[in-house]
Amino acid sequence: MTENDKVPVKPMILIMDDTAVVLELLKRYLTAQRYEVLVAETGEQGLALLEAATPDLILLDVRMPGMGGIKTLRELRSKLKNIPIIMLSGVDDVQIAQTAFDYGATDYVTKPIDLATLKKVMATHLVFAA
């Protein structure tokens, strides 16, 4: 196999959000953008997925039942030091955003999600993570 014959590897994105509509929208959009997509409705489910796969980037909702986004972020950072984690929030709250950054979030995007903005943010962090 030559260099030109190699199949490009699709970046893997893990989406953690408890809102089914958001999960489906992001999954469809990112799949169309040629990403491999994993989804989880809770922090616990997302952490369990890490047993079998390591994503290239994580989209993480701030507010989820059970293990909330900030607690999930802390757990993720204890396991994955260099994976970009973009927080998603329906609230544009400077204090929540600062807490997320303090615990290792890479970026913060508010809902409703502007897909063009999300695409740019993700591309920036995927380039720097490579």
N, C-alpha and C. Protein backbone atom coordinates (compact mmCIF):
# COMPACT_ATOMS: atom_id res chain seq x y z
N MET A 1 0.84 -1.17 0.00
CA MET A 1 0.00 0.00 0.00
C MET A 1 0.89 1.24 0.00
N THR A 2 0.63 2.15 -0.88
CA THR A 2 1.41 3.38 -0.96
C THR A 2 0.76 4.46 -0.10
N GLU A 3 1.46 5.55 0.07
CA GLU A 3 0.95 6.69 0.84
C GLU A 3 -0.39 7.17 0.29
N ASN A 4 -0.53 7.18 -1.04
CA ASN A 4 -1.76 7.66 -1.67
C ASN A 4 -2.93 6.69 -1.51
N ASP A 5 -2.65 5.43 -1.19
CA ASP A 5 -3.70 4.43 -1.06
C ASP A 5 -4.33 4.41 0.34
N LYS A 6 -3.74 5.11 1.27
CA LYS A 6 -4.25 5.09 2.64
C LYS A 6 -5.63 5.76 2.71
N VAL A 7 -6.51 5.13 3.45
CA VAL A 7 -7.83 5.69 3.65
C VAL A 7 -7.73 6.71 4.79
N PRO A 8 -8.21 7.94 4.57
CA PRO A 8 -8.13 8.93 5.64
C PRO A 8 -8.95 8.50 6.85
N VAL A 9 -8.41 8.76 8.01
CA VAL A 9 -9.10 8.41 9.25
C VAL A 9 -10.07 9.54 9.60
N LYS A 10 -11.31 9.16 9.87
CA LYS A 10 -12.30 10.15 10.25
C LYS A 10 -12.14 10.47 11.74
N PRO A 11 -12.07 11.74 12.08
CA PRO A 11 -12.02 12.08 13.50
C PRO A 11 -13.28 11.58 14.21
N MET A 12 -13.09 11.11 15.43
CA MET A 12 -14.20 10.60 16.22
C MET A 12 -14.63 11.67 17.23
N ILE A 13 -15.94 11.95 17.23
CA ILE A 13 -16.50 12.94 18.13
C ILE A 13 -17.46 12.24 19.09
N LEU A 14 -17.31 12.51 20.38
CA LEU A 14 -18.24 12.01 21.38
C LEU A 14 -19.13 13.17 21.81
N ILE A 15 -20.45 12.99 21.65
CA ILE A 15 -21.41 14.00 22.06
C ILE A 15 -22.11 13.49 23.32
N MET A 16 -22.10 14.30 24.38
CA MET A 16 -22.82 13.97 25.61
C MET A 16 -23.84 15.07 25.87
N ASP A 17 -25.12 14.72 25.72
CA ASP A 17 -26.20 15.69 25.93
C ASP A 17 -27.46 14.91 26.27
N ASP A 18 -28.21 15.39 27.24
CA ASP A 18 -29.42 14.67 27.66
C ASP A 18 -30.65 15.02 26.82
N THR A 19 -30.52 15.94 25.88
CA THR A 19 -31.64 16.33 25.03
C THR A 19 -31.57 15.56 23.72
N ALA A 20 -32.56 14.69 23.50
CA ALA A 20 -32.56 13.81 22.32
C ALA A 20 -32.50 14.61 21.01
N VAL A 21 -33.20 15.73 20.95
CA VAL A 21 -33.21 16.55 19.72
C VAL A 21 -31.81 17.08 19.42
N VAL A 22 -31.12 17.55 20.45
CA VAL A 22 -29.75 18.06 20.27
C VAL A 22 -28.83 16.93 19.82
N LEU A 23 -28.92 15.79 20.48
CA LEU A 23 -28.09 14.64 20.09
C LEU A 23 -28.30 14.26 18.63
N GLU A 24 -29.55 14.17 18.22
CA GLU A 24 -29.86 13.76 16.85
C GLU A 24 -29.39 14.81 15.84
N LEU A 25 -29.64 16.08 16.12
CA LEU A 25 -29.19 17.16 15.23
C LEU A 25 -27.68 17.13 15.05
N LEU A 26 -26.96 17.07 16.17
CA LEU A 26 -25.49 17.07 16.09
C LEU A 26 -24.97 15.80 15.43
N LYS A 27 -25.58 14.68 15.74
CA LYS A 27 -25.13 13.42 15.14
C LYS A 27 -25.29 13.47 13.62
N ARG A 28 -26.45 13.90 13.16
CA ARG A 28 -26.68 13.99 11.70
C ARG A 28 -25.73 14.98 11.04
N TYR A 29 -25.58 16.14 11.65
CA TYR A 29 -24.72 17.18 11.09
C TYR A 29 -23.27 16.71 11.02
N LEU A 30 -22.77 16.17 12.12
CA LEU A 30 -21.36 15.75 12.16
C LEU A 30 -21.10 14.54 11.28
N THR A 31 -22.05 13.64 11.19
CA THR A 31 -21.90 12.50 10.28
C THR A 31 -21.82 13.00 8.84
N ALA A 32 -22.65 13.98 8.49
CA ALA A 32 -22.62 14.57 7.14
C ALA A 32 -21.29 15.29 6.89
N GLN A 33 -20.65 15.78 7.96
CA GLN A 33 -19.35 16.44 7.85
C GLN A 33 -18.19 15.44 7.85
N ARG A 34 -18.54 14.15 7.80
CA ARG A 34 -17.58 13.05 7.72
C ARG A 34 -16.82 12.77 9.01
N TYR A 35 -17.50 13.00 10.14
CA TYR A 35 -16.94 12.60 11.42
C TYR A 35 -17.56 11.26 11.81
N GLU A 36 -16.83 10.48 12.57
CA GLU A 36 -17.40 9.31 13.23
C GLU A 36 -17.99 9.84 14.54
N VAL A 37 -19.22 9.46 14.86
CA VAL A 37 -19.91 10.06 15.99
C VAL A 37 -20.37 9.00 16.99
N LEU A 38 -20.07 9.26 18.25
CA LEU A 38 -20.60 8.46 19.37
C LEU A 38 -21.50 9.39 20.18
N VAL A 39 -22.59 8.86 20.72
CA VAL A 39 -23.48 9.69 21.52
C VAL A 39 -23.75 9.05 22.87
N ALA A 40 -23.97 9.92 23.85
CA ALA A 40 -24.33 9.48 25.20
C ALA A 40 -25.31 10.49 25.78
N GLU A 41 -26.32 9.97 26.47
CA GLU A 41 -27.33 10.84 27.07
C GLU A 41 -26.97 11.27 28.49
N THR A 42 -25.94 10.65 29.07
CA THR A 42 -25.51 11.01 30.41
C THR A 42 -23.99 11.00 30.48
N GLY A 43 -23.47 11.64 31.52
CA GLY A 43 -22.03 11.60 31.74
C GLY A 43 -21.54 10.19 31.98
N GLU A 44 -22.34 9.42 32.72
CA GLU A 44 -21.96 8.04 33.00
C GLU A 44 -21.84 7.22 31.72
N GLN A 45 -22.81 7.38 30.81
CA GLN A 45 -22.76 6.65 29.53
C GLN A 45 -21.53 7.08 28.73
N GLY A 46 -21.26 8.36 28.71
CA GLY A 46 -20.10 8.86 27.97
C GLY A 46 -18.80 8.31 28.50
N LEU A 47 -18.67 8.29 29.82
CA LEU A 47 -17.45 7.74 30.43
C LEU A 47 -17.31 6.26 30.13
N ALA A 48 -18.44 5.54 30.12
CA ALA A 48 -18.40 4.10 29.80
C ALA A 48 -17.94 3.87 28.36
N LEU A 49 -18.31 4.76 27.44
CA LEU A 49 -17.88 4.63 26.05
C LEU A 49 -16.37 4.74 25.90
N LEU A 50 -15.74 5.43 26.83
CA LEU A 50 -14.28 5.61 26.77
C LEU A 50 -13.52 4.31 27.01
N GLU A 51 -14.21 3.30 27.53
CA GLU A 51 -13.58 2.00 27.74
C GLU A 51 -13.22 1.35 26.40
N ALA A 52 -14.01 1.66 25.36
CA ALA A 52 -13.82 1.01 24.06
C ALA A 52 -13.24 1.93 23.00
N ALA A 53 -13.29 3.23 23.21
CA ALA A 53 -12.84 4.16 22.16
C ALA A 53 -12.34 5.45 22.79
N THR A 54 -11.39 6.07 22.11
CA THR A 54 -10.89 7.37 22.54
C THR A 54 -11.23 8.39 21.45
N PRO A 55 -12.14 9.31 21.76
CA PRO A 55 -12.53 10.30 20.76
C PRO A 55 -11.43 11.32 20.52
N ASP A 56 -11.55 12.01 19.39
CA ASP A 56 -10.62 13.09 19.06
C ASP A 56 -11.08 14.42 19.64
N LEU A 57 -12.39 14.49 19.94
CA LEU A 57 -12.98 15.71 20.49
C LEU A 57 -14.28 15.32 21.19
N ILE A 58 -14.62 16.05 22.25
CA ILE A 58 -15.85 15.78 23.00
C ILE A 58 -16.70 17.04 23.05
N LEU A 59 -17.99 16.88 22.78
CA LEU A 59 -18.98 17.94 22.97
C LEU A 59 -19.77 17.54 24.22
N LEU A 60 -19.77 18.40 25.23
CA LEU A 60 -20.32 18.04 26.54
C LEU A 60 -21.30 19.09 27.05
N ASP A 61 -22.54 18.67 27.28
CA ASP A 61 -23.57 19.56 27.81
C ASP A 61 -23.25 19.89 29.26
N VAL A 62 -23.45 21.13 29.64
CA VAL A 62 -23.19 21.56 31.02
C VAL A 62 -24.19 20.95 31.99
N ARG A 63 -25.47 20.99 31.60
CA ARG A 63 -26.53 20.52 32.51
C ARG A 63 -27.12 19.21 32.03
N MET A 64 -26.85 18.16 32.81
CA MET A 64 -27.40 16.84 32.53
C MET A 64 -27.82 16.23 33.86
N PRO A 65 -28.83 15.34 33.83
CA PRO A 65 -29.22 14.67 35.08
C PRO A 65 -28.13 13.70 35.53
N GLY A 66 -28.17 13.36 36.79
CA GLY A 66 -27.14 12.44 37.31
C GLY A 66 -25.82 13.20 37.42
N MET A 67 -24.81 12.67 36.77
CA MET A 67 -23.51 13.32 36.76
C MET A 67 -23.57 14.50 35.79
N GLY A 68 -23.58 15.70 36.33
CA GLY A 68 -23.67 16.90 35.50
C GLY A 68 -22.43 17.11 34.65
N GLY A 69 -22.50 18.10 33.78
CA GLY A 69 -21.42 18.36 32.84
C GLY A 69 -20.09 18.72 33.49
N ILE A 70 -20.12 19.53 34.54
CA ILE A 70 -18.86 19.93 35.18
C ILE A 70 -18.21 18.73 35.87
N LYS A 71 -19.00 17.92 36.55
CA LYS A 71 -18.44 16.72 37.20
C LYS A 71 -17.91 15.75 36.14
N THR A 72 -18.66 15.61 35.03
CA THR A 72 -18.20 14.75 33.93
C THR A 72 -16.90 15.30 33.35
N LEU A 73 -16.83 16.61 33.20
CA LEU A 73 -15.60 17.25 32.70
C LEU A 73 -14.41 16.91 33.59
N ARG A 74 -14.60 16.99 34.88
CA ARG A 74 -13.51 16.67 35.82
C ARG A 74 -13.05 15.22 35.66
N GLU A 75 -14.02 14.31 35.52
CA GLU A 75 -13.69 12.89 35.32
C GLU A 75 -12.95 12.70 33.98
N LEU A 76 -13.45 13.36 32.95
CA LEU A 76 -12.81 13.24 31.63
C LEU A 76 -11.37 13.73 31.69
N ARG A 77 -11.15 14.86 32.34
CA ARG A 77 -9.80 15.43 32.41
C ARG A 77 -8.85 14.54 33.21
N SER A 78 -9.37 13.77 34.14
CA SER A 78 -8.50 12.86 34.89
C SER A 78 -8.04 11.69 34.01
N LYS A 79 -8.81 11.41 32.95
CA LYS A 79 -8.49 10.30 32.06
C LYS A 79 -7.86 10.75 30.74
N LEU A 80 -8.32 11.87 30.23
CA LEU A 80 -7.91 12.37 28.92
C LEU A 80 -7.36 13.78 29.05
N LYS A 81 -6.07 13.90 29.11
CA LYS A 81 -5.46 15.22 29.35
C LYS A 81 -5.50 16.14 28.13
N ASN A 82 -5.36 15.58 26.93
CA ASN A 82 -5.16 16.41 25.75
C ASN A 82 -6.30 16.42 24.74
N ILE A 83 -7.41 15.78 25.06
CA ILE A 83 -8.55 15.76 24.14
C ILE A 83 -9.32 17.06 24.29
N PRO A 84 -9.60 17.77 23.18
CA PRO A 84 -10.41 18.99 23.29
C PRO A 84 -11.83 18.65 23.78
N ILE A 85 -12.29 19.43 24.75
CA ILE A 85 -13.65 19.27 25.28
C ILE A 85 -14.36 20.61 25.15
N ILE A 86 -15.40 20.62 24.34
CA ILE A 86 -16.18 21.83 24.12
C ILE A 86 -17.48 21.71 24.91
N MET A 87 -17.69 22.63 25.82
CA MET A 87 -18.89 22.63 26.62
C MET A 87 -20.03 23.25 25.82
N LEU A 88 -21.23 22.67 25.98
CA LEU A 88 -22.44 23.18 25.35
C LEU A 88 -23.39 23.61 26.46
N SER A 89 -23.96 24.80 26.33
CA SER A 89 -24.86 25.26 27.38
C SER A 89 -25.99 26.11 26.83
N GLY A 90 -27.17 25.91 27.39
CA GLY A 90 -28.31 26.73 27.03
C GLY A 90 -28.29 28.06 27.76
N VAL A 91 -27.32 28.25 28.63
CA VAL A 91 -27.21 29.48 29.41
C VAL A 91 -25.86 30.13 29.12
N ASP A 92 -25.90 31.39 28.74
CA ASP A 92 -24.66 32.14 28.52
C ASP A 92 -24.27 32.77 29.85
N ASP A 93 -23.63 31.98 30.69
CA ASP A 93 -23.30 32.38 32.05
C ASP A 93 -21.79 32.40 32.22
N VAL A 94 -21.25 33.59 32.47
CA VAL A 94 -19.81 33.76 32.58
C VAL A 94 -19.23 32.91 33.71
N GLN A 95 -19.94 32.81 34.82
CA GLN A 95 -19.44 32.04 35.96
C GLN A 95 -19.36 30.55 35.63
N ILE A 96 -20.40 30.02 34.96
CA ILE A 96 -20.38 28.61 34.56
C ILE A 96 -19.26 28.38 33.55
N ALA A 97 -19.12 29.28 32.61
CA ALA A 97 -18.06 29.15 31.60
C ALA A 97 -16.69 29.17 32.28
N GLN A 98 -16.48 30.08 33.23
CA GLN A 98 -15.20 30.16 33.92
C GLN A 98 -14.91 28.88 34.70
N THR A 99 -15.94 28.35 35.36
CA THR A 99 -15.77 27.09 36.08
C THR A 99 -15.36 25.98 35.12
N ALA A 100 -16.03 25.93 33.97
CA ALA A 100 -15.69 24.91 32.96
C ALA A 100 -14.24 25.06 32.50
N PHE A 101 -13.81 26.28 32.24
CA PHE A 101 -12.42 26.50 31.82
C PHE A 101 -11.45 26.14 32.94
N ASP A 102 -11.82 26.45 34.19
CA ASP A 102 -10.96 26.10 35.33
C ASP A 102 -10.74 24.60 35.43
N TYR A 103 -11.75 23.81 35.04
CA TYR A 103 -11.65 22.36 35.10
C TYR A 103 -11.17 21.72 33.81
N GLY A 104 -10.75 22.54 32.86
CA GLY A 104 -10.10 21.98 31.68
C GLY A 104 -10.89 22.00 30.38
N ALA A 105 -12.03 22.69 30.35
CA ALA A 105 -12.76 22.81 29.08
C ALA A 105 -11.89 23.58 28.08
N THR A 106 -12.01 23.21 26.83
CA THR A 106 -11.24 23.85 25.78
C THR A 106 -11.99 25.04 25.20
N ASP A 107 -13.33 24.93 25.16
CA ASP A 107 -14.15 26.00 24.61
C ASP A 107 -15.56 25.88 25.18
N TYR A 108 -16.39 26.87 24.87
CA TYR A 108 -17.74 26.96 25.43
C TYR A 108 -18.65 27.51 24.33
N VAL A 109 -19.69 26.77 23.96
CA VAL A 109 -20.61 27.18 22.89
C VAL A 109 -22.02 27.18 23.48
N THR A 110 -22.76 28.26 23.22
CA THR A 110 -24.11 28.35 23.76
C THR A 110 -25.15 27.81 22.78
N LYS A 111 -26.25 27.34 23.37
CA LYS A 111 -27.40 26.85 22.60
C LYS A 111 -28.38 28.01 22.47
N PRO A 112 -29.18 28.08 21.43
CA PRO A 112 -29.19 27.13 20.33
C PRO A 112 -27.87 27.20 19.57
N ILE A 113 -27.40 26.05 19.16
CA ILE A 113 -26.08 25.93 18.54
C ILE A 113 -26.13 26.41 17.10
N ASP A 114 -25.26 27.35 16.80
CA ASP A 114 -25.06 27.77 15.42
C ASP A 114 -24.06 26.79 14.81
N LEU A 115 -24.52 25.99 13.87
CA LEU A 115 -23.69 24.89 13.34
C LEU A 115 -22.44 25.41 12.63
N ALA A 116 -22.53 26.54 11.96
CA ALA A 116 -21.34 27.10 11.29
C ALA A 116 -20.28 27.49 12.32
N THR A 117 -20.73 28.08 13.42
CA THR A 117 -19.80 28.45 14.49
C THR A 117 -19.19 27.21 15.13
N LEU A 118 -20.03 26.22 15.40
CA LEU A 118 -19.54 24.98 15.99
C LEU A 118 -18.51 24.33 15.09
N LYS A 119 -18.77 24.31 13.80
CA LYS A 119 -17.84 23.72 12.83
C LYS A 119 -16.47 24.40 12.91
N LYS A 120 -16.45 25.73 12.98
CA LYS A 120 -15.19 26.48 13.06
C LYS A 120 -14.46 26.19 14.37
N VAL A 121 -15.21 26.18 15.47
CA VAL A 121 -14.61 25.93 16.78
C VAL A 121 -13.99 24.53 16.81
N MET A 122 -14.75 23.56 16.33
CA MET A 122 -14.25 22.19 16.32
C MET A 122 -13.01 22.05 15.43
N ALA A 123 -13.05 22.65 14.25
CA ALA A 123 -11.91 22.56 13.33
C ALA A 123 -10.65 23.15 13.96
N THR A 124 -10.81 24.27 14.65
CA THR A 124 -9.67 24.89 15.32
C THR A 124 -9.06 23.96 16.35
N HIS A 125 -9.89 23.36 17.17
CA HIS A 125 -9.37 22.51 18.25
C HIS A 125 -8.85 21.16 17.73
N LEU A 126 -9.44 20.66 16.67
CA LEU A 126 -8.94 19.41 16.09
C LEU A 126 -7.56 19.62 15.46
N VAL A 127 -7.34 20.78 14.86
CA VAL A 127 -6.04 21.08 14.26
C VAL A 127 -4.98 21.17 15.35
N PHE A 128 -5.30 21.84 16.45
CA PHE A 128 -4.32 22.01 17.52
C PHE A 128 -4.09 20.72 18.29
N ALA A 129 -5.08 19.83 18.31
CA ALA A 129 -4.94 18.57 19.02
C ALA A 129 -4.13 17.56 18.23
N ALA A 130 -4.05 17.76 16.91
CA ALA A 130 -3.36 16.79 16.04
C ALA A 130 -1.87 16.77 16.26
